[in-house]
Amino acid sequence: MNNNEFSKIELKYIIYKTEELLELAQNRYKITTQVSNRAKRRKYEDIDIIDDPINKPIIRAILELVDEIKEPKILRD
């Protein structure tokens, strides 16, 4: 599998997770601002951001929020 194929798979996964987040959200405006604020915070916390699409703050924020909404018990432990 070459790098281009790997990128397509990862991008499809990111798009799927983004759509999943929007479906799970009761309020799209609220979830959008949460993603934005988390990405901003992550950007300033993690100055050594790599140009890999997976490691972009906005992508990481989306993936984290989907996990938090789907598995709230993870955060309680």
C-alpha atoms as a PDB file:
ATOM      1  CA  MET A   1       0.000   0.000   0.000  1.00  0.00           C
ATOM      2  CA  ASN A   2       1.531   3.275  -1.019  1.00  0.00           C
ATOM      3  CA  ASN A   3       1.270   6.552   0.871  1.00  0.00           C
ATOM      4  CA  ASN A   4      -1.480   7.936  -1.403  1.00  0.00           C
ATOM      5  CA  GLU A   5      -3.761   4.942  -0.723  1.00  0.00           C
ATOM      6  CA  PHE A   6      -3.116   5.262   2.999  1.00  0.00           C
ATOM      7  CA  SER A   7      -4.042   8.951   2.873  1.00  0.00           C
ATOM      8  CA  LYS A   8      -7.335   8.176   1.117  1.00  0.00           C
ATOM      9  CA  ILE A   9      -8.267   5.623   3.774  1.00  0.00           C
ATOM     10  CA  GLU A  10      -7.426   8.005   6.588  1.00  0.00           C
ATOM     11  CA  LEU A  11      -9.329  10.867   4.972  1.00  0.00           C
ATOM     12  CA  LYS A  12     -12.400   8.643   4.521  1.00  0.00           C
ATOM     13  CA  TYR A  13     -12.174   7.722   8.203  1.00  0.00           C
ATOM     14  CA  ILE A  14     -11.948  11.388   9.201  1.00  0.00           C
ATOM     15  CA  ILE A  15     -14.948  12.280   7.044  1.00  0.00           C
ATOM     16  CA  TYR A  16     -16.903   9.372   8.526  1.00  0.00           C
ATOM     17  CA  LYS A  17     -16.091  10.498  12.069  1.00  0.00           C
ATOM     18  CA  THR A  18     -17.028  14.105  11.261  1.00  0.00           C
ATOM     19  CA  GLU A  19     -20.407  12.989   9.920  1.00  0.00           C
ATOM     20  CA  GLU A  20     -20.858  10.777  12.962  1.00  0.00           C
ATOM     21  CA  LEU A  21     -20.167  13.735  15.255  1.00  0.00           C
ATOM     22  CA  LEU A  22     -22.758  15.871  13.471  1.00  0.00           C
ATOM     23  CA  GLU A  23     -25.342  13.088  13.716  1.00  0.00           C
ATOM     24  CA  LEU A  24     -24.696  12.581  17.438  1.00  0.00           C
ATOM     25  CA  ALA A  25     -24.775  16.285  18.259  1.00  0.00           C
ATOM     26  CA  GLN A  26     -28.038  17.670  19.567  1.00  0.00           C
ATOM     27  CA  ASN A  27     -26.928  21.208  18.770  1.00  0.00           C
ATOM     28  CA  ARG A  28     -24.654  21.671  15.744  1.00  0.00           C
ATOM     29  CA  TYR A  29     -23.653  25.195  16.704  1.00  0.00           C
ATOM     30  CA  LYS A  30     -22.566  24.091  20.166  1.00  0.00           C
ATOM     31  CA  ILE A  31     -20.563  21.116  18.874  1.00  0.00           C
ATOM     32  CA  THR A  32     -18.903  23.319  16.231  1.00  0.00           C
ATOM     33  CA  THR A  33     -17.780  25.812  18.859  1.00  0.00           C
ATOM     34  CA  GLN A  34     -16.550  22.970  21.097  1.00  0.00           C
ATOM     35  CA  VAL A  35     -14.468  21.545  18.249  1.00  0.00           C
ATOM     36  CA  SER A  36     -13.117  24.990  17.410  1.00  0.00           C
ATOM     37  CA  ASN A  37     -12.188  25.846  20.992  1.00  0.00           C
ATOM     38  CA  ARG A  38     -10.543  22.485  21.583  1.00  0.00           C
ATOM     39  CA  ALA A  39      -8.543  22.782  18.346  1.00  0.00           C
ATOM     40  CA  LYS A  40      -7.380  26.295  19.286  1.00  0.00           C
ATOM     41  CA  ARG A  41      -6.330  25.132  22.731  1.00  0.00           C
ATOM     42  CA  ARG A  42      -4.513  22.143  21.252  1.00  0.00           C
ATOM     43  CA  LYS A  43      -2.757  24.370  18.707  1.00  0.00           C
ATOM     44  CA  TYR A  44      -1.267  26.555  21.432  1.00  0.00           C
ATOM     45  CA  GLU A  45      -0.488  23.650  23.772  1.00  0.00           C
ATOM     46  CA  ASP A  46       1.259  21.569  21.119  1.00  0.00           C
ATOM     47  CA  ILE A  47       3.570  23.933  19.258  1.00  0.00           C
ATOM     48  CA  ASP A  48       5.398  21.110  17.425  1.00  0.00           C
ATOM     49  CA  ILE A  49       2.465  20.230  15.166  1.00  0.00           C
ATOM     50  CA  ILE A  50       3.455  17.998  12.264  1.00  0.00           C
ATOM     51  CA  ASP A  51       2.002  18.531   8.780  1.00  0.00           C
ATOM     52  CA  ASP A  52       0.397  15.082   8.853  1.00  0.00           C
ATOM     53  CA  PRO A  53      -3.393  15.477   8.302  1.00  0.00           C
ATOM     54  CA  ILE A  54      -4.173  13.205  11.261  1.00  0.00           C
ATOM     55  CA  ASN A  55      -2.190  15.353  13.678  1.00  0.00           C
ATOM     56  CA  LYS A  56      -3.879  18.642  12.808  1.00  0.00           C
ATOM     57  CA  PRO A  57      -5.571  20.108  15.886  1.00  0.00           C
ATOM     58  CA  ILE A  58      -8.992  20.293  14.243  1.00  0.00           C
ATOM     59  CA  ILE A  59      -8.899  16.614  13.232  1.00  0.00           C
ATOM     60  CA  ARG A  60      -7.756  15.523  16.682  1.00  0.00           C
ATOM     61  CA  ALA A  61     -10.507  17.621  18.279  1.00  0.00           C
ATOM     62  CA  ILE A  62     -13.181  16.009  16.098  1.00  0.00           C
ATOM     63  CA  LEU A  63     -11.946  12.486  16.825  1.00  0.00           C
ATOM     64  CA  GLU A  64     -11.746  13.163  20.566  1.00  0.00           C
ATOM     65  CA  LEU A  65     -15.233  14.651  20.746  1.00  0.00           C
ATOM     66  CA  VAL A  66     -16.772  11.725  18.858  1.00  0.00           C
ATOM     67  CA  ASP A  67     -15.167   9.336  21.329  1.00  0.00           C
ATOM     68  CA  GLU A  68     -16.335  11.400  24.306  1.00  0.00           C
ATOM     69  CA  ILE A  69     -19.924  11.505  23.070  1.00  0.00           C
ATOM     70  CA  LYS A  70     -20.040   7.808  22.199  1.00  0.00           C
ATOM     71  CA  GLU A  71     -18.190   6.602  25.318  1.00  0.00           C
ATOM     72  CA  PRO A  72     -18.881   9.043  28.167  1.00  0.00           C
ATOM     73  CA  LYS A  73     -17.926   6.410  30.758  1.00  0.00           C
ATOM     74  CA  ILE A  74     -14.289   6.643  29.600  1.00  0.00           C
ATOM     75  CA  LEU A  75     -14.104  10.172  30.980  1.00  0.00           C
ATOM     76  CA  ARG A  76     -15.710   9.256  34.297  1.00  0.00           C
ATOM     77  CA  ASP A  77     -13.112   6.624  35.199  1.00  0.00           C
END
